[in-house]
Amino acid sequence: MPADFSPLDPGRIHSADPFEIEYWSRQLGCTPEELQDVVARVGEHVNVVREELESRRAARS
């Protein structure tokens, strides 16, 4: 991923783009696989994905 990469739409995760998957995985603190699973379940809106990831983390604690 280029050092200056930023998503085309900062509110959505385009799961077909490997650079976006890598970028958002780093931003959201999850694995690319986990990110793709969540996007497949709840859609590609960043805020909804973030909430789902936080919910999963809370359930594990």
PDB file of N, CA and C in Angstrom:
ATOM      1  N   MET A   1       0.854  -1.170   0.000  1.00  0.00           N
ATOM      2  CA  MET A   1       0.000   0.000   0.000  1.00  0.00           C
ATOM      3  C   MET A   1       0.899   1.231   0.000  1.00  0.00           C
ATOM      4  N   PRO A   2       0.615   2.185  -0.866  1.00  0.00           N
ATOM      5  CA  PRO A   2       1.406   3.419  -0.882  1.00  0.00           C
ATOM      6  C   PRO A   2       1.285   4.172   0.441  1.00  0.00           C
ATOM      7  N   ALA A   3       2.368   4.797   0.858  1.00  0.00           N
ATOM      8  CA  ALA A   3       2.396   5.517   2.133  1.00  0.00           C
ATOM      9  C   ALA A   3       1.357   6.631   2.196  1.00  0.00           C
ATOM     10  N   ASP A   4       1.041   7.231   1.070  1.00  0.00           N
ATOM     11  CA  ASP A   4       0.097   8.347   1.055  1.00  0.00           C
ATOM     12  C   ASP A   4      -1.327   7.910   0.687  1.00  0.00           C
ATOM     13  N   PHE A   5      -1.620   6.622   0.804  1.00  0.00           N
ATOM     14  CA  PHE A   5      -2.940   6.114   0.430  1.00  0.00           C
ATOM     15  C   PHE A   5      -4.017   6.677   1.344  1.00  0.00           C
ATOM     16  N   SER A   6      -5.127   7.047   0.746  1.00  0.00           N
ATOM     17  CA  SER A   6      -6.335   7.378   1.502  1.00  0.00           C
ATOM     18  C   SER A   6      -7.526   6.892   0.672  1.00  0.00           C
ATOM     19  N   PRO A   7      -8.569   6.445   1.331  1.00  0.00           N
ATOM     20  CA  PRO A   7      -9.719   5.895   0.606  1.00  0.00           C
ATOM     21  C   PRO A   7     -10.423   6.963  -0.223  1.00  0.00           C
ATOM     22  N   LEU A   8     -11.029   6.519  -1.317  1.00  0.00           N
ATOM     23  CA  LEU A   8     -11.776   7.447  -2.171  1.00  0.00           C
ATOM     24  C   LEU A   8     -12.952   8.049  -1.419  1.00  0.00           C
ATOM     25  N   ASP A   9     -13.643   7.227  -0.647  1.00  0.00           N
ATOM     26  CA  ASP A   9     -14.788   7.674   0.144  1.00  0.00           C
ATOM     27  C   ASP A   9     -14.495   7.318   1.595  1.00  0.00           C
ATOM     28  N   PRO A  10     -14.142   8.281   2.431  1.00  0.00           N
ATOM     29  CA  PRO A  10     -13.762   7.978   3.810  1.00  0.00           C
ATOM     30  C   PRO A  10     -14.898   7.445   4.684  1.00  0.00           C
ATOM     31  N   GLY A  11     -16.088   7.401   4.167  1.00  0.00           N
ATOM     32  CA  GLY A  11     -17.217   6.881   4.925  1.00  0.00           C
ATOM     33  C   GLY A  11     -17.599   5.461   4.562  1.00  0.00           C
ATOM     34  N   ARG A  12     -16.930   4.902   3.558  1.00  0.00           N
ATOM     35  CA  ARG A  12     -17.261   3.559   3.084  1.00  0.00           C
ATOM     36  C   ARG A  12     -16.005   2.731   2.906  1.00  0.00           C
ATOM     37  N   ILE A  13     -16.170   1.435   3.096  1.00  0.00           N
ATOM     38  CA  ILE A  13     -15.076   0.486   2.891  1.00  0.00           C
ATOM     39  C   ILE A  13     -15.374  -0.272   1.606  1.00  0.00           C
ATOM     40  N   HIS A  14     -14.523  -0.099   0.618  1.00  0.00           N
ATOM     41  CA  HIS A  14     -14.687  -0.806  -0.651  1.00  0.00           C
ATOM     42  C   HIS A  14     -13.916  -2.115  -0.553  1.00  0.00           C
ATOM     43  N   SER A  15     -14.644  -3.183  -0.229  1.00  0.00           N
ATOM     44  CA  SER A  15     -14.015  -4.458   0.088  1.00  0.00           C
ATOM     45  C   SER A  15     -13.373  -5.146  -1.107  1.00  0.00           C
ATOM     46  N   ALA A  16     -13.621  -4.669  -2.314  1.00  0.00           N
ATOM     47  CA  ALA A  16     -12.988  -5.261  -3.488  1.00  0.00           C
ATOM     48  C   ALA A  16     -11.588  -4.692  -3.720  1.00  0.00           C
ATOM     49  N   ASP A  17     -11.241  -3.647  -2.993  1.00  0.00           N
ATOM     50  CA  ASP A  17      -9.947  -2.992  -3.175  1.00  0.00           C
ATOM     51  C   ASP A  17      -8.990  -3.439  -2.069  1.00  0.00           C
ATOM     52  N   PRO A  18      -7.946  -4.198  -2.408  1.00  0.00           N
ATOM     53  CA  PRO A  18      -7.028  -4.683  -1.373  1.00  0.00           C
ATOM     54  C   PRO A  18      -6.346  -3.570  -0.589  1.00  0.00           C
ATOM     55  N   PHE A  19      -6.081  -2.423  -1.210  1.00  0.00           N
ATOM     56  CA  PHE A  19      -5.476  -1.308  -0.495  1.00  0.00           C
ATOM     57  C   PHE A  19      -6.439  -0.780   0.566  1.00  0.00           C
ATOM     58  N   GLU A  20      -7.716  -0.721   0.229  1.00  0.00           N
ATOM     59  CA  GLU A  20      -8.700  -0.246   1.215  1.00  0.00           C
ATOM     60  C   GLU A  20      -8.837  -1.243   2.357  1.00  0.00           C
ATOM     61  N   ILE A  21      -8.824  -2.515   2.061  1.00  0.00           N
ATOM     62  CA  ILE A  21      -8.909  -3.523   3.121  1.00  0.00           C
ATOM     63  C   ILE A  21      -7.718  -3.380   4.064  1.00  0.00           C
ATOM     64  N   GLU A  22      -6.528  -3.220   3.519  1.00  0.00           N
ATOM     65  CA  GLU A  22      -5.341  -3.051   4.352  1.00  0.00           C
ATOM     66  C   GLU A  22      -5.432  -1.756   5.166  1.00  0.00           C
ATOM     67  N   TYR A  23      -5.820  -0.673   4.503  1.00  0.00           N
ATOM     68  CA  TYR A  23      -5.943   0.626   5.177  1.00  0.00           C
ATOM     69  C   TYR A  23      -6.937   0.546   6.332  1.00  0.00           C
ATOM     70  N   TRP A  24      -8.157   0.058   6.054  1.00  0.00           N
ATOM     71  CA  TRP A  24      -9.192   0.042   7.078  1.00  0.00           C
ATOM     72  C   TRP A  24      -8.886  -0.969   8.178  1.00  0.00           C
ATOM     73  N   SER A  25      -8.225  -2.062   7.853  1.00  0.00           N
ATOM     74  CA  SER A  25      -7.822  -3.016   8.887  1.00  0.00           C
ATOM     75  C   SER A  25      -6.901  -2.341   9.890  1.00  0.00           C
ATOM     76  N   ARG A  26      -5.968  -1.574   9.391  1.00  0.00           N
ATOM     77  CA  ARG A  26      -5.059  -0.845  10.282  1.00  0.00           C
ATOM     78  C   ARG A  26      -5.807   0.218  11.076  1.00  0.00           C
ATOM     79  N   GLN A  27      -6.671   0.960  10.411  1.00  0.00           N
ATOM     80  CA  GLN A  27      -7.405   2.031  11.083  1.00  0.00           C
ATOM     81  C   GLN A  27      -8.338   1.497  12.171  1.00  0.00           C
ATOM     82  N   LEU A  28      -8.929   0.346  11.915  1.00  0.00           N
ATOM     83  CA  LEU A  28      -9.933  -0.191  12.835  1.00  0.00           C
ATOM     84  C   LEU A  28      -9.370  -1.253  13.785  1.00  0.00           C
ATOM     85  N   GLY A  29      -8.092  -1.578  13.640  1.00  0.00           N
ATOM     86  CA  GLY A  29      -7.448  -2.511  14.557  1.00  0.00           C
ATOM     87  C   GLY A  29      -7.957  -3.934  14.472  1.00  0.00           C
ATOM     88  N   CYS A  30      -8.111  -4.428  13.253  1.00  0.00           N
ATOM     89  CA  CYS A  30      -8.580  -5.801  13.067  1.00  0.00           C
ATOM     90  C   CYS A  30      -7.804  -6.444  11.924  1.00  0.00           C
ATOM     91  N   THR A  31      -8.021  -7.717  11.732  1.00  0.00           N
ATOM     92  CA  THR A  31      -7.379  -8.401  10.614  1.00  0.00           C
ATOM     93  C   THR A  31      -8.171  -8.131   9.338  1.00  0.00           C
ATOM     94  N   PRO A  32      -7.532  -8.267   8.187  1.00  0.00           N
ATOM     95  CA  PRO A  32      -8.272  -8.116   6.926  1.00  0.00           C
ATOM     96  C   PRO A  32      -9.435  -9.108   6.824  1.00  0.00           C
ATOM     97  N   GLU A  33      -9.225 -10.316   7.314  1.00  0.00           N
ATOM     98  CA  GLU A  33     -10.279 -11.328   7.263  1.00  0.00           C
ATOM     99  C   GLU A  33     -11.468 -10.931   8.123  1.00  0.00           C
ATOM    100  N   GLU A  34     -11.161 -10.451   9.334  1.00  0.00           N
ATOM    101  CA  GLU A  34     -12.230 -10.008  10.227  1.00  0.00           C
ATOM    102  C   GLU A  34     -12.991  -8.832   9.612  1.00  0.00           C
ATOM    103  N   LEU A  35     -12.267  -7.910   9.019  1.00  0.00           N
ATOM    104  CA  LEU A  35     -12.903  -6.762   8.374  1.00  0.00           C
ATOM    105  C   LEU A  35     -13.836  -7.213   7.257  1.00  0.00           C
ATOM    106  N   GLN A  36     -13.363  -8.104   6.413  1.00  0.00           N
ATOM    107  CA  GLN A  36     -14.201  -8.566   5.304  1.00  0.00           C
ATOM    108  C   GLN A  36     -15.433  -9.304   5.807  1.00  0.00           C
ATOM    109  N   ASP A  37     -15.282 -10.063   6.886  1.00  0.00           N
ATOM    110  CA  ASP A  37     -16.424 -10.758   7.481  1.00  0.00           C
ATOM    111  C   ASP A  37     -17.458  -9.759   7.980  1.00  0.00           C
ATOM    112  N   VAL A  38     -16.994  -8.730   8.683  1.00  0.00           N
ATOM    113  CA  VAL A  38     -17.914  -7.727   9.214  1.00  0.00           C
ATOM    114  C   VAL A  38     -18.587  -6.954   8.081  1.00  0.00           C
ATOM    115  N   VAL A  39     -17.830  -6.566   7.074  1.00  0.00           N
ATOM    116  CA  VAL A  39     -18.417  -5.842   5.937  1.00  0.00           C
ATOM    117  C   VAL A  39     -19.483  -6.703   5.256  1.00  0.00           C
ATOM    118  N   ALA A  40     -19.213  -7.991   5.118  1.00  0.00           N
ATOM    119  CA  ALA A  40     -20.202  -8.890   4.501  1.00  0.00           C
ATOM    120  C   ALA A  40     -21.477  -8.980   5.335  1.00  0.00           C
ATOM    121  N   ARG A  41     -21.339  -8.840   6.655  1.00  0.00           N
ATOM    122  CA  ARG A  41     -22.497  -8.955   7.549  1.00  0.00           C
ATOM    123  C   ARG A  41     -23.279  -7.662   7.703  1.00  0.00           C
ATOM    124  N   VAL A  42     -22.570  -6.518   7.848  1.00  0.00           N
ATOM    125  CA  VAL A  42     -23.276  -5.273   8.193  1.00  0.00           C
ATOM    126  C   VAL A  42     -23.219  -4.198   7.109  1.00  0.00           C
ATOM    127  N   GLY A  43     -22.482  -4.439   6.047  1.00  0.00           N
ATOM    128  CA  GLY A  43     -22.372  -3.437   4.993  1.00  0.00           C
ATOM    129  C   GLY A  43     -21.062  -2.686   5.080  1.00  0.00           C
ATOM    130  N   GLU A  44     -20.907  -1.702   4.223  1.00  0.00           N
ATOM    131  CA  GLU A  44     -19.602  -1.057   4.075  1.00  0.00           C
ATOM    132  C   GLU A  44     -19.477   0.328   4.714  1.00  0.00           C
ATOM    133  N   HIS A  45     -20.469   0.767   5.454  1.00  0.00           N
ATOM    134  CA  HIS A  45     -20.371   2.065   6.134  1.00  0.00           C
ATOM    135  C   HIS A  45     -19.404   1.953   7.307  1.00  0.00           C
ATOM    136  N   VAL A  46     -18.411   2.805   7.333  1.00  0.00           N
ATOM    137  CA  VAL A  46     -17.338   2.731   8.329  1.00  0.00           C
ATOM    138  C   VAL A  46     -17.876   2.771   9.748  1.00  0.00           C
ATOM    139  N   ASN A  47     -18.805   3.650  10.047  1.00  0.00           N
ATOM    140  CA  ASN A  47     -19.313   3.766  11.416  1.00  0.00           C
ATOM    141  C   ASN A  47     -20.015   2.491  11.876  1.00  0.00           C
ATOM    142  N   VAL A  48     -20.763   1.859  10.985  1.00  0.00           N
ATOM    143  CA  VAL A  48     -21.459   0.620  11.328  1.00  0.00           C
ATOM    144  C   VAL A  48     -20.451  -0.506  11.523  1.00  0.00           C
ATOM    145  N   VAL A  49     -19.442  -0.563  10.669  1.00  0.00           N
ATOM    146  CA  VAL A  49     -18.392  -1.572  10.799  1.00  0.00           C
ATOM    147  C   VAL A  49     -17.641  -1.367  12.105  1.00  0.00           C
ATOM    148  N   ARG A  50     -17.302  -0.130  12.426  1.00  0.00           N
ATOM    149  CA  ARG A  50     -16.602   0.167  13.683  1.00  0.00           C
ATOM    150  C   ARG A  50     -17.433  -0.289  14.887  1.00  0.00           C
ATOM    151  N   GLU A  51     -18.728   0.012  14.873  1.00  0.00           N
ATOM    152  CA  GLU A  51     -19.605  -0.393  15.977  1.00  0.00           C
ATOM    153  C   GLU A  51     -19.648  -1.910  16.120  1.00  0.00           C
ATOM    154  N   GLU A  52     -19.724  -2.624  15.019  1.00  0.00           N
ATOM    155  CA  GLU A  52     -19.760  -4.084  15.062  1.00  0.00           C
ATOM    156  C   GLU A  52     -18.457  -4.643  15.606  1.00  0.00           C
ATOM    157  N   LEU A  53     -17.323  -4.094  15.165  1.00  0.00           N
ATOM    158  CA  LEU A  53     -16.045  -4.558  15.681  1.00  0.00           C
ATOM    159  C   LEU A  53     -15.928  -4.294  17.179  1.00  0.00           C
ATOM    160  N   GLU A  54     -16.370  -3.136  17.637  1.00  0.00           N
ATOM    161  CA  GLU A  54     -16.327  -2.812  19.066  1.00  0.00           C
ATOM    162  C   GLU A  54     -17.238  -3.741  19.858  1.00  0.00           C
ATOM    163  N   SER A  55     -18.391  -4.056  19.297  1.00  0.00           N
ATOM    164  CA  SER A  55     -19.323  -4.979  19.935  1.00  0.00           C
ATOM    165  C   SER A  55     -18.699  -6.369  20.074  1.00  0.00           C
ATOM    166  N   ARG A  56     -18.014  -6.817  19.048  1.00  0.00           N
ATOM    167  CA  ARG A  56     -17.343  -8.123  19.096  1.00  0.00           C
ATOM    168  C   ARG A  56     -16.247  -8.128  20.155  1.00  0.00           C
ATOM    169  N   ARG A  57     -15.502  -7.052  20.224  1.00  0.00           N
ATOM    170  CA  ARG A  57     -14.418  -6.952  21.222  1.00  0.00           C
ATOM    171  C   ARG A  57     -14.996  -6.973  22.644  1.00  0.00           C
ATOM    172  N   ALA A  58     -16.081  -6.254  22.844  1.00  0.00           N
ATOM    173  CA  ALA A  58     -16.709  -6.202  24.161  1.00  0.00           C
ATOM    174  C   ALA A  58     -17.253  -7.572  24.561  1.00  0.00           C
ATOM    175  N   ALA A  59     -17.765  -8.310  23.607  1.00  0.00           N
ATOM    176  CA  ALA A  59     -18.321  -9.636  23.891  1.00  0.00           C
ATOM    177  C   ALA A  59     -17.221 -10.623  24.296  1.00  0.00           C
ATOM    178  N   ARG A  60     -16.005 -10.398  23.801  1.00  0.00           N
ATOM    179  CA  ARG A  60     -14.887 -11.275  24.130  1.00  0.00           C
ATOM    180  C   ARG A  60     -14.321 -11.003  25.524  1.00  0.00           C
ATOM    181  N   SER A  61     -14.548  -9.799  26.044  1.00  0.00           N
ATOM    182  CA  SER A  61     -13.945  -9.439  27.345  1.00  0.00           C
ATOM    183  C   SER A  61     -14.755  -9.921  28.516  1.00  0.00           C
TER     184      SER A  61
END
